[in-house]
Structures are given as C-alpha cells and as structure tokens.
Amino acid sequence: MSINTTNKSKHNSPWWWVPTLYFAEGVPYFLVNNISVLIFAKMGVPNDQLAFFTTLLYFPWFLKGLWSPLVDVVKTKRWWIVAMQILMASLCVLLTLTLPHPDAAMMAAKGTPVSMFWLTLVLFIITAFASATHDIAADGYYMLAHDSGSQARFIGIRSTFYRIAMVFGQGVLVFIAGRFEKSTGDIPLSWQLTLGITAIILFAVTIYHIFALPKVEKGEGLQVTGEGLSIGKAFKTFFTKKGVVLAICFMLLYRMAEGLLVKLSLPFLVDTPEVTLRDGQILGGGLGLDTDMVGLIYGTIGVLFLLLGGILGGIFISRRGLKRSLWIMAAFLTIPNLVYVYLSAAQPTNLWIIGSAISFEQFGYGFGFTAYMMYMMYFAQGEYKTSHYAICTAFMALSMMLPGFVAGKIEMAVGYYWFFWLAVGCSVVTFAVTYFVHRAVDAEYGRKTES
C-alpha cells in the first residue's frame, strides 16, 4: 500500500494524531460500557434490568468481526474514523437532550422501570456500533499510516492514550457528574451536563482530526477484497485447531467471577446501605458513596492500579513464561474478589479503607488478566493469526456478557453479600480451566530469551 508523500511532512507526524485518535477510541467505549451502568444505577433502575440491558450494549464488540471487511472495502479508513466520530458526538448530543427525569422518590426506591429509558438504550446501542466500527478503522489506519518501525515506536503511545481515555471516562467524567449532582441536587441534570461535556470534547477532537489525520490511502478499498474472501477459511481453521474446545472453555470461563462483578460493582458503591427490593424484602445494600467519590476511588485510583497490575503482569510473564505464571495469575485474578465480601459485610464509611480495597482488587484483576491476553495470543499462533486473534476477542466479549445477563437477577434474589460470595465461589471454575490449560501450554511461550 503506497503512502502519500504528504505523510512525510512535519505536520503529519504521528505525534499530531496518534494520541488524539486513541483517546477518541477509548472515551465512547467507556461511556457505553461503564458510565451507562452508573447512570442507570443513579436513576434508580433495578439491578436485574440494569445488568441485563447494559450487557446487551456489549454486543457490537462481540460481533464486529462480521462487518470489519466492510470497513476495508468501502471508502477509506480515514473516512470511517471521521464519520464515526461525527456520529458518536451527535449521539451524545441526543443523549443529553433526551435523558429522562424520574422523580426523586422513584430513584431512591430503585423503582425506575428501564422502559423509561428505551430511547436512551437505543442511542447507546447505536453509539456502541459506531464505537466498534471506529475501533476497526482506527487500528487499520494505524497500520497504514506508519511503516513497521514507526508502528513499533508508537505502540506504547497509543496504549497510553487509550488508558488516559479510560481514566477520563471512568474517573474524570464521573467525578464531574458527582460535582454537578452536589451543586444542583438534580441527578438527571448532572448526567445531562456531563454528557453534554462529552459531546463537546468529541466534536472538538473530530474537527481536529478532519485537518490532522494524514490522507494516506489511495483506493485501498479494492485492494484488500482477498482478505474478505479468506474469512470463511479463517473461521474453519480456527475451529479445527488442536485443543480448540479447551481454548474456548478457558476463554469463556477464566473470568467468570469478573463477569458477575463488573456489572454490579458500580451499583454496589452507590446504592444505599439498605435496599428495599420489589417484593418488600430488605437485603444488605451498598456503600452509599457519592458519585464524585466513585469517580475518584473506582474510576481514577482503581484504574491506575488496574493498569499497574497489567504492566507488572506482562513483566512477570516475560521472566517466567506463560506456563509457569498461570497458577499465580489465576490466584491474583480471583482471591482479591474477597474484598467485596468484606465491603458488603462491614459497609465501611472510611474512604481510605474503601479505596485500598478497590485498588487491591483492581490490581489483582489487571495482573491476572494478563495471562488471559497472553493465552489468546498463544492460541492464535500460525496461519491467519490476526483473524484467529479477532475470533478469540469475540469469545472474550462473550465471557463477560453471559454472566452479565444473570448477575442482576442473582443479586436481587440474595443481596450483595451472598452475591459476592457466589462470585468468589466461581474461582473454582477459574482454577479448573487453568489446570487443563496449564498442561497444554508450551513451557517456553512468553518468556523473554536472553540475547
């Protein structure tokens, strides 16, 4: 693929567009998959409805491999990037203008029906499809706009700014919403203002990219159709690989506990200490944290510990290899979940205690999750490794969706305390699949060899 000479100019240096491109990739993802959960929780939507419908929002990332060839053969990736950013910014404006306003009593009783938010859910799902499409285009554009040496030099930069988007989405925006909530006393208005700020930021980034993204593609749409023709073969070879059943079981079950926790950890932090369920039964509730404190503790400090765990996990595997790391990383992934059992039993009000517990759990998850990512790379080796890895990521998405569909119903039946014990009990499944995978993994895979 040829690259325009304009890409060589100073003003088209990757420093001008890589950071903003991957920031723009991250913010909508965390808006759809994390902030939406907190919005519905604060609006008083019951946990069973909340968990089920926000889990549906993850479907585009599970299915995106099905339409990724379209991004290759229609228009240019630069066109797709700009078009999806315009669409996502516009959708944020619509979310701002149409967000419902349940009354305070309904929100306090967690009796707000999710049907009140049908338009919000529709707008979120369209945003999810746009965001997933943007991911495809951005990653393809990144490879087109760099030579191999430049790709390697900027891989850390793109990861860093995606992580900055993670902190911004889960931390800064939530903190802002919490401050608006305290100053206005109006929960729906606070989220409208926050979504409005998000829309302004996305529009600003989009306008910048219209001018800053280099035009590096020349009719590439008709040059990659052969890749689309090989998709069927890629699927066939994936499902006939040796050990594919074990690999799928591992990808679906290793994170079962996290799949349960992820949809209810934010509602748990903001729910009042006692929550009256719809049948009048009262079970142990949440911690009753203010929204801005959730943004600070969970979305900022917790995310930083999550990232630290991921970095140290990568270093750990590079020194020991995947096989020798698996058991330790499975323990780090599961044992820290006990902090939620403690928090739900003790219901502490000390922010240092809550913050330390959340940080410990997030660090453990980041550390243990590294083995999961490394195993997907291991299994995807060979011909069609790019397509096979994409299929693995679809199973990764499904591993979070399946528990997410039932998490809310389970919690509403037994309360947070026993729900968290159930999540801890899922460690048995994690260790079971780890046992079988440990026996099958190459002893040297992942270990950095001395030069």
Protein backbone atom coordinates (compact mmCIF):
# COMPACT_ATOMS: atom_id res chain seq x y z
CA MET A 1 0.00 0.00 0.00
CA SER A 2 1.50 3.30 -1.02
CA ILE A 3 1.60 6.25 1.32
CA ASN A 4 1.27 9.83 0.16
CA THR A 5 4.35 11.99 0.37
CA THR A 6 2.28 14.40 2.44
CA ASN A 7 2.54 11.93 5.29
CA LYS A 8 6.23 12.67 5.50
CA SER A 9 5.68 16.28 6.36
CA LYS A 10 6.31 17.61 9.82
CA HIS A 11 2.65 18.43 10.37
CA ASN A 12 1.62 14.84 9.66
CA SER A 13 3.94 13.36 12.24
CA PRO A 14 2.21 10.59 14.24
CA TRP A 15 2.63 12.78 17.31
CA TRP A 16 -0.05 15.03 15.85
CA TRP A 17 -2.74 12.36 15.59
CA VAL A 18 -1.94 9.07 17.38
CA PRO A 19 -2.63 10.41 20.91
CA THR A 20 -5.96 12.03 19.97
CA LEU A 21 -7.07 9.10 17.81
CA TYR A 22 -6.73 6.57 20.62
CA PHE A 23 -8.19 8.95 23.17
CA ALA A 24 -11.21 9.27 20.86
CA GLU A 25 -11.33 5.47 20.57
CA GLY A 26 -11.45 4.97 24.32
CA VAL A 27 -13.93 7.58 25.54
CA PRO A 28 -17.05 6.24 23.73
CA TYR A 29 -16.21 2.66 24.76
CA PHE A 30 -16.13 3.57 28.45
CA LEU A 31 -19.18 5.79 28.06
CA VAL A 32 -21.22 2.87 26.71
CA ASN A 33 -19.88 0.07 28.90
CA ASN A 34 -19.17 1.78 32.22
CA ILE A 35 -20.78 5.18 32.54
CA SER A 36 -24.11 3.82 31.28
CA VAL A 37 -24.18 1.37 34.21
CA LEU A 38 -23.68 4.18 36.71
CA ILE A 39 -26.26 6.40 35.02
CA PHE A 40 -28.93 3.71 35.31
CA ALA A 41 -27.89 2.88 38.87
CA LYS A 42 -28.16 6.52 39.96
CA MET A 43 -31.50 6.85 38.17
CA GLY A 44 -32.91 4.02 40.30
CA VAL A 45 -33.18 1.25 37.69
CA PRO A 46 -33.34 -2.15 39.50
CA ASN A 47 -30.17 -4.21 39.25
CA ASP A 48 -31.71 -7.07 37.26
CA GLN A 49 -32.87 -4.74 34.48
CA LEU A 50 -29.75 -2.61 34.71
CA ALA A 51 -27.33 -5.54 34.35
CA PHE A 52 -29.26 -7.25 31.56
CA PHE A 53 -29.74 -4.25 29.30
CA THR A 54 -26.28 -2.73 29.76
CA THR A 55 -24.80 -6.15 28.96
CA LEU A 56 -26.64 -6.02 25.63
CA LEU A 57 -24.64 -2.90 24.81
CA TYR A 58 -21.50 -5.05 24.56
CA PHE A 59 -22.83 -7.00 21.55
CA PRO A 60 -21.23 -4.78 18.86
CA TRP A 61 -17.73 -5.58 20.14
CA PHE A 62 -18.64 -9.28 20.13
CA LEU A 63 -19.91 -9.09 16.55
CA LYS A 64 -17.60 -6.51 14.99
CA GLY A 65 -15.58 -9.11 13.11
CA LEU A 66 -18.65 -9.75 10.94
CA TRP A 67 -18.64 -6.29 9.37
CA SER A 68 -14.93 -5.46 9.59
CA PRO A 69 -14.44 -6.38 5.87
CA LEU A 70 -16.93 -3.62 5.02
CA VAL A 71 -14.57 -1.06 6.54
CA ASP A 72 -11.82 -2.44 4.29
CA VAL A 73 -13.73 -2.32 1.01
CA VAL A 74 -15.95 0.78 1.35
CA LYS A 75 -14.40 4.25 1.42
CA THR A 76 -11.15 4.80 3.33
CA LYS A 77 -10.37 4.15 6.96
CA ARG A 78 -9.81 7.86 7.45
CA TRP A 79 -13.36 8.45 6.17
CA TRP A 80 -14.74 5.85 8.58
CA ILE A 81 -12.86 7.40 11.51
CA VAL A 82 -14.18 10.90 10.90
CA ALA A 83 -17.70 9.70 10.06
CA MET A 84 -17.96 7.58 13.22
CA GLN A 85 -16.62 10.41 15.38
CA ILE A 86 -19.20 12.81 13.96
CA LEU A 87 -21.89 10.20 14.61
CA MET A 88 -20.77 9.49 18.18
CA ALA A 89 -20.56 13.19 19.06
CA SER A 90 -24.05 13.74 17.60
CA LEU A 91 -25.41 10.79 19.58
CA CYS A 92 -24.00 12.30 22.78
CA VAL A 93 -25.95 15.47 21.99
CA LEU A 94 -29.12 13.40 21.55
CA LEU A 95 -28.43 11.55 24.80
CA THR A 96 -28.05 14.90 26.54
CA LEU A 97 -31.32 16.23 25.18
CA THR A 98 -33.45 13.09 25.69
CA LEU A 99 -32.26 11.68 29.03
CA PRO A 100 -35.41 11.01 31.15
CA HIS A 101 -36.04 12.66 34.53
CA PRO A 102 -37.50 10.11 37.00
CA ASP A 103 -38.84 11.64 40.21
CA ALA A 104 -36.66 11.56 43.32
CA ALA A 105 -38.84 9.08 45.23
CA MET A 106 -38.74 6.57 42.37
CA MET A 107 -34.94 6.84 42.12
CA ALA A 108 -34.46 6.46 45.88
CA ALA A 109 -36.62 3.31 45.94
CA LYS A 110 -34.81 1.81 42.93
CA GLY A 111 -38.17 1.51 41.26
CA THR A 112 -37.46 3.26 37.96
CA PRO A 113 -38.51 0.95 35.09
CA VAL A 114 -35.90 0.52 32.38
CA SER A 115 -38.71 1.07 29.84
CA MET A 116 -38.48 4.76 30.70
CA PHE A 117 -35.02 4.68 29.10
CA TRP A 118 -35.88 2.92 25.84
CA LEU A 119 -34.66 5.84 23.72
CA THR A 120 -31.51 6.16 25.83
CA LEU A 121 -30.77 2.46 25.26
CA VAL A 122 -31.34 2.81 21.51
CA LEU A 123 -28.92 5.74 21.37
CA PHE A 124 -26.37 3.83 23.44
CA ILE A 125 -26.54 0.78 21.17
CA ILE A 126 -26.04 2.94 18.07
CA THR A 127 -23.11 4.58 19.83
CA ALA A 128 -21.75 1.10 20.59
CA PHE A 129 -21.91 0.07 16.92
CA ALA A 130 -20.26 3.34 15.90
CA SER A 131 -17.54 2.90 18.53
CA ALA A 132 -16.82 -0.70 17.48
CA THR A 133 -16.62 0.39 13.84
CA HIS A 134 -14.30 3.23 14.83
CA ASP A 135 -12.05 0.66 16.57
CA ILE A 136 -11.75 -1.35 13.34
CA ALA A 137 -10.97 1.72 11.24
CA ALA A 138 -8.53 3.26 13.74
CA ASP A 139 -6.47 0.09 14.10
CA GLY A 140 -6.37 -0.41 10.33
CA TYR A 141 -5.48 3.24 9.74
CA TYR A 142 -2.69 3.00 12.32
CA MET A 143 -1.05 0.23 10.29
CA LEU A 144 -1.49 2.11 7.01
CA ALA A 145 -0.15 5.44 8.23
CA HIS A 146 3.09 4.01 9.68
CA ASP A 147 5.93 1.94 8.40
CA SER A 148 6.77 -1.06 10.61
CA GLY A 149 9.42 0.83 12.57
CA SER A 150 7.08 3.72 13.30
CA GLN A 151 4.30 1.32 14.34
CA ALA A 152 6.60 -0.20 16.95
CA ARG A 153 7.75 3.20 18.24
CA PHE A 154 4.19 4.45 18.75
CA ILE A 155 2.56 1.29 20.07
CA GLY A 156 3.22 2.44 23.62
CA ILE A 157 1.90 5.93 22.87
CA ARG A 158 -1.40 4.61 21.52
CA SER A 159 -1.81 2.32 24.54
CA THR A 160 -1.02 5.15 26.94
CA PHE A 161 -3.62 7.49 25.47
CA TYR A 162 -6.24 4.74 25.37
CA ARG A 163 -5.57 4.29 29.08
CA ILE A 164 -5.82 8.05 29.60
CA ALA A 165 -9.25 7.81 27.96
CA MET A 166 -10.07 5.04 30.46
CA VAL A 167 -9.18 7.30 33.39
CA PHE A 168 -11.05 10.20 31.79
CA GLY A 169 -14.17 8.13 31.06
CA GLN A 170 -14.42 6.19 34.32
CA GLY A 171 -12.84 8.80 36.56
CA VAL A 172 -12.96 12.41 35.41
CA LEU A 173 -16.41 12.34 33.80
CA VAL A 174 -17.93 10.51 36.78
CA PHE A 175 -16.26 12.96 39.18
CA ILE A 176 -17.69 15.86 37.15
CA ALA A 177 -21.15 14.30 37.26
CA GLY A 178 -20.84 13.95 41.03
CA ARG A 179 -19.88 17.59 41.44
CA PHE A 180 -22.83 18.69 39.31
CA GLU A 181 -25.09 16.45 41.40
CA LYS A 182 -23.94 18.12 44.63
CA SER A 183 -24.23 21.64 43.25
CA THR A 184 -27.65 21.20 41.59
CA GLY A 185 -29.23 18.46 43.71
CA ASP A 186 -30.60 17.06 40.44
CA ILE A 187 -29.25 13.64 39.40
CA PRO A 188 -30.68 13.56 35.83
CA LEU A 189 -29.49 17.11 35.17
CA SER A 190 -26.00 16.25 36.41
CA TRP A 191 -25.73 13.45 33.85
CA GLN A 192 -27.16 15.63 31.10
CA LEU A 193 -24.48 18.22 31.75
CA THR A 194 -21.78 15.53 31.82
CA LEU A 195 -22.99 14.01 28.55
CA GLY A 196 -23.03 17.50 27.06
CA ILE A 197 -19.38 18.00 28.05
CA THR A 198 -18.56 14.63 26.47
CA ALA A 199 -20.27 15.71 23.24
CA ILE A 200 -18.27 18.97 23.13
CA ILE A 201 -15.00 17.08 23.64
CA LEU A 202 -15.82 14.53 20.91
CA PHE A 203 -16.83 17.29 18.48
CA ALA A 204 -13.58 19.16 19.19
CA VAL A 205 -11.50 16.03 18.57
CA THR A 206 -13.44 15.31 15.36
CA ILE A 207 -12.87 18.79 13.96
CA TYR A 208 -9.18 18.47 14.81
CA HIS A 209 -8.95 15.09 13.05
CA ILE A 210 -10.55 16.44 9.87
CA PHE A 211 -7.41 18.52 9.46
CA ALA A 212 -4.80 16.48 11.36
CA LEU A 213 -5.28 12.95 10.04
CA PRO A 214 -2.98 12.38 7.04
CA LYS A 215 -4.57 11.23 3.78
CA VAL A 216 -2.54 8.06 3.37
CA GLU A 217 -4.90 5.79 1.45
CA LYS A 218 -5.16 5.61 -2.34
CA GLY A 219 -8.03 3.44 -3.44
CA GLU A 220 -7.15 0.77 -0.97
CA GLY A 221 -10.76 -0.28 -0.87
CA LEU A 222 -10.42 -2.51 -3.92
CA GLN A 223 -7.05 -3.93 -2.95
CA VAL A 224 -7.97 -5.92 0.13
CA THR A 225 -11.01 -7.85 -1.08
CA GLY A 226 -8.98 -11.04 -0.98
CA GLU A 227 -8.83 -10.68 2.78
CA GLY A 228 -12.61 -10.75 2.90
CA LEU A 229 -12.65 -13.94 0.84
CA SER A 230 -10.40 -15.65 3.39
CA ILE A 231 -12.70 -15.04 6.36
CA GLY A 232 -14.56 -18.30 5.90
CA LYS A 233 -11.29 -20.19 5.77
CA ALA A 234 -10.04 -18.37 8.86
CA PHE A 235 -13.14 -19.47 10.81
CA LYS A 236 -12.81 -23.03 9.54
CA THR A 237 -9.15 -23.30 10.51
CA PHE A 238 -9.84 -21.76 13.93
CA PHE A 239 -12.49 -24.31 14.86
CA THR A 240 -10.35 -27.21 13.62
CA LYS A 241 -7.23 -26.21 15.57
CA LYS A 242 -5.88 -28.70 18.07
CA GLY A 243 -7.25 -28.01 21.53
CA VAL A 244 -9.93 -25.59 20.33
CA VAL A 245 -12.58 -26.88 22.77
CA LEU A 246 -10.24 -26.37 25.74
CA ALA A 247 -9.28 -22.93 24.43
CA ILE A 248 -12.92 -21.84 24.11
CA CYS A 249 -13.71 -23.15 27.60
CA PHE A 250 -10.77 -21.21 29.01
CA MET A 251 -11.73 -18.01 27.19
CA LEU A 252 -15.34 -18.27 28.37
CA LEU A 253 -14.78 -19.39 31.98
CA TYR A 254 -11.47 -17.95 33.23
CA ARG A 255 -13.10 -14.59 34.01
CA MET A 256 -16.49 -15.84 35.19
CA ALA A 257 -16.20 -14.09 38.56
CA GLU A 258 -15.29 -10.80 36.93
CA GLY A 259 -18.19 -11.19 34.52
CA LEU A 260 -20.53 -11.26 37.51
CA LEU A 261 -18.81 -8.45 39.41
CA VAL A 262 -18.26 -5.94 36.63
CA LYS A 263 -21.94 -5.08 36.14
CA LEU A 264 -22.70 -4.63 39.84
CA SER A 265 -19.55 -3.19 41.37
CA LEU A 266 -20.58 0.38 40.47
CA PRO A 267 -24.21 -0.03 41.64
CA PHE A 268 -22.87 -1.54 44.88
CA LEU A 269 -20.70 1.52 45.51
CA VAL A 270 -23.58 4.00 45.08
CA ASP A 271 -26.55 2.01 46.47
CA THR A 272 -27.68 2.91 49.98
CA PRO A 273 -26.74 0.54 52.84
CA GLU A 274 -30.23 -0.93 52.78
CA VAL A 275 -32.11 -1.51 49.57
CA THR A 276 -35.79 -2.46 49.59
CA LEU A 277 -36.44 -4.95 46.83
CA ARG A 278 -39.63 -5.02 44.79
CA ASP A 279 -41.25 -7.69 46.98
CA GLY A 280 -40.63 -5.61 50.09
CA GLN A 281 -37.77 -7.77 51.38
CA ILE A 282 -34.75 -5.84 52.65
CA LEU A 283 -31.30 -7.26 51.96
CA GLY A 284 -27.82 -5.85 52.52
CA GLY A 285 -27.23 -2.90 50.26
CA GLY A 286 -24.30 -0.88 49.02
CA LEU A 287 -21.82 1.62 50.40
CA GLY A 288 -23.75 4.79 49.59
CA LEU A 289 -20.77 6.62 48.11
CA ASP A 290 -21.24 9.99 46.45
CA THR A 291 -20.85 9.91 42.68
CA ASP A 292 -17.74 12.10 42.66
CA MET A 293 -16.05 9.75 45.16
CA VAL A 294 -16.85 6.80 42.89
CA GLY A 295 -15.14 8.67 40.06
CA LEU A 296 -12.11 9.31 42.24
CA ILE A 297 -11.81 5.92 44.00
CA TYR A 298 -13.01 3.46 41.37
CA GLY A 299 -12.58 5.39 38.13
CA THR A 300 -9.23 7.05 38.80
CA ILE A 301 -7.24 5.42 41.60
CA GLY A 302 -8.69 1.97 40.89
CA VAL A 303 -7.97 2.27 37.17
CA LEU A 304 -4.38 3.31 37.85
CA PHE A 305 -3.90 0.19 39.99
CA LEU A 306 -5.55 -1.88 37.24
CA LEU A 307 -3.04 -0.54 34.72
CA LEU A 308 -0.15 -1.08 37.12
CA GLY A 309 -1.24 -4.69 37.58
CA GLY A 310 -1.32 -5.18 33.81
CA ILE A 311 2.16 -3.73 33.36
CA LEU A 312 3.67 -5.84 36.13
CA GLY A 313 1.80 -8.89 34.85
CA GLY A 314 3.44 -8.51 31.47
CA ILE A 315 6.87 -8.23 33.07
CA PHE A 316 6.13 -11.28 35.23
CA ILE A 317 5.22 -13.45 32.23
CA SER A 318 8.23 -12.26 30.25
CA ARG A 319 10.50 -13.54 33.02
CA ARG A 320 8.76 -16.81 33.86
CA GLY A 321 6.80 -17.71 30.73
CA LEU A 322 3.04 -18.21 30.48
CA LYS A 323 3.01 -21.80 31.75
CA ARG A 324 4.86 -21.05 34.99
CA SER A 325 2.77 -17.90 35.56
CA LEU A 326 -0.74 -19.30 35.10
CA TRP A 327 -1.45 -20.52 38.63
CA ILE A 328 -0.15 -17.37 40.29
CA MET A 329 -2.09 -15.15 37.92
CA ALA A 330 -5.30 -17.13 38.42
CA ALA A 331 -4.88 -16.56 42.16
CA PHE A 332 -4.36 -12.82 41.65
CA LEU A 333 -7.45 -12.71 39.45
CA THR A 334 -9.77 -14.40 41.94
CA ILE A 335 -8.62 -14.04 45.57
CA PRO A 336 -8.86 -10.20 45.67
CA ASN A 337 -12.60 -10.54 44.96
CA LEU A 338 -12.92 -11.25 48.67
CA VAL A 339 -12.65 -7.51 49.27
CA TYR A 340 -16.23 -7.14 48.02
CA VAL A 341 -17.39 -9.72 50.55
CA TYR A 342 -15.68 -7.67 53.26
CA LEU A 343 -17.07 -4.36 51.99
CA SER A 344 -20.62 -5.72 51.79
CA ALA A 345 -20.40 -7.23 55.29
CA ALA A 346 -18.65 -4.36 57.09
CA GLN A 347 -20.05 -1.50 54.96
CA PRO A 348 -17.20 0.83 55.98
CA THR A 349 -17.56 4.57 55.57
CA ASN A 350 -13.83 5.34 55.72
CA LEU A 351 -12.78 6.30 52.19
CA TRP A 352 -9.19 5.12 52.77
CA ILE A 353 -10.42 1.62 53.60
CA ILE A 354 -12.77 1.53 50.62
CA GLY A 355 -10.13 2.94 48.29
CA SER A 356 -7.48 0.47 49.45
CA ALA A 357 -9.85 -2.47 48.99
CA ILE A 358 -10.90 -1.40 45.49
CA SER A 359 -7.30 -0.70 44.49
CA PHE A 360 -6.19 -4.15 45.70
CA GLU A 361 -8.97 -5.86 43.73
CA GLN A 362 -8.26 -3.84 40.59
CA PHE A 363 -4.52 -4.53 40.79
CA GLY A 364 -5.20 -8.25 41.11
CA TYR A 365 -7.54 -8.21 38.14
CA GLY A 366 -5.05 -6.32 35.98
CA PHE A 367 -2.26 -8.70 36.95
CA GLY A 368 -4.30 -11.88 36.43
CA PHE A 369 -5.93 -10.71 33.21
CA THR A 370 -2.51 -10.53 31.53
CA ALA A 371 -2.37 -14.33 31.43
CA TYR A 372 -5.72 -14.37 29.62
CA MET A 373 -4.50 -11.98 26.93
CA MET A 374 -1.26 -13.90 26.57
CA TYR A 375 -3.09 -17.19 26.17
CA MET A 376 -5.22 -15.74 23.35
CA MET A 377 -2.03 -14.74 21.53
CA TYR A 378 -0.63 -18.22 22.15
CA PHE A 379 -3.67 -19.97 20.74
CA ALA A 380 -3.89 -17.63 17.74
CA GLN A 381 -0.39 -18.52 16.52
CA GLY A 382 0.05 -19.82 12.98
CA GLU A 383 -1.66 -19.03 9.69
CA TYR A 384 -4.47 -16.45 9.96
CA LYS A 385 -3.17 -15.40 13.36
CA THR A 386 -4.75 -11.94 13.00
CA SER A 387 -8.18 -13.39 12.20
CA HIS A 388 -7.83 -16.09 14.85
CA TYR A 389 -6.95 -13.49 17.47
CA ALA A 390 -10.03 -11.47 16.44
CA ILE A 391 -12.17 -14.58 16.97
CA CYS A 392 -10.58 -15.01 20.39
CA THR A 393 -11.53 -11.45 21.31
CA ALA A 394 -15.15 -12.28 20.36
CA PHE A 395 -15.10 -15.11 22.91
CA MET A 396 -13.51 -12.66 25.37
CA ALA A 397 -16.51 -10.35 24.92
CA LEU A 398 -18.91 -13.27 25.29
CA SER A 399 -17.21 -14.32 28.54
CA MET A 400 -18.31 -11.03 30.10
CA MET A 401 -21.74 -10.97 28.52
CA LEU A 402 -23.04 -14.37 29.64
CA PRO A 403 -22.55 -13.75 33.40
CA GLY A 404 -23.67 -10.16 32.98
CA PHE A 405 -27.11 -11.20 31.75
CA VAL A 406 -27.90 -13.03 35.01
CA ALA A 407 -25.84 -11.04 37.54
CA GLY A 408 -28.60 -8.58 38.40
CA LYS A 409 -31.25 -11.25 38.92
CA ILE A 410 -28.95 -13.19 41.24
CA GLU A 411 -28.10 -10.11 43.30
CA MET A 412 -31.71 -9.09 43.67
CA ALA A 413 -32.56 -12.59 44.89
CA VAL A 414 -29.82 -12.91 47.51
CA GLY A 415 -28.40 -9.42 48.17
CA TYR A 416 -24.89 -8.08 47.62
CA TYR A 417 -23.22 -10.07 50.41
CA TRP A 418 -24.17 -13.52 49.16
CA PHE A 419 -23.82 -12.41 45.55
CA PHE A 420 -20.19 -11.55 46.19
CA TRP A 421 -19.63 -14.91 47.91
CA LEU A 422 -21.03 -16.57 44.80
CA ALA A 423 -18.55 -14.60 42.66
CA VAL A 424 -15.72 -15.77 44.91
CA GLY A 425 -17.03 -19.32 44.54
CA CYS A 426 -16.57 -19.03 40.78
CA SER A 427 -12.84 -19.20 41.49
CA VAL A 428 -13.28 -22.98 41.40
CA VAL A 429 -14.18 -22.71 37.71
CA THR A 430 -11.20 -20.42 37.05
CA PHE A 431 -8.77 -22.83 38.67
CA ALA A 432 -10.34 -25.82 36.88
CA VAL A 433 -9.80 -24.40 33.39
CA THR A 434 -6.37 -23.14 34.44
CA TYR A 435 -5.42 -26.72 35.40
CA PHE A 436 -6.17 -28.08 31.95
CA VAL A 437 -4.65 -25.15 30.05
CA HIS A 438 -1.51 -25.29 32.19
CA ARG A 439 -0.93 -28.85 30.99
CA ALA A 440 -1.28 -27.85 27.32
CA VAL A 441 0.76 -24.63 27.11
CA ASP A 442 4.31 -24.64 25.73
CA ALA A 443 6.73 -24.27 28.65
CA GLU A 444 8.78 -21.56 26.92
CA TYR A 445 6.00 -19.46 25.44
CA GLY A 446 6.04 -15.85 26.58
CA ARG A 447 9.40 -16.00 28.29
CA LYS A 448 11.89 -13.43 27.08
CA THR A 449 15.07 -15.13 25.95
CA GLU A 450 18.41 -13.63 26.81
CA SER A 451 20.19 -12.21 23.78
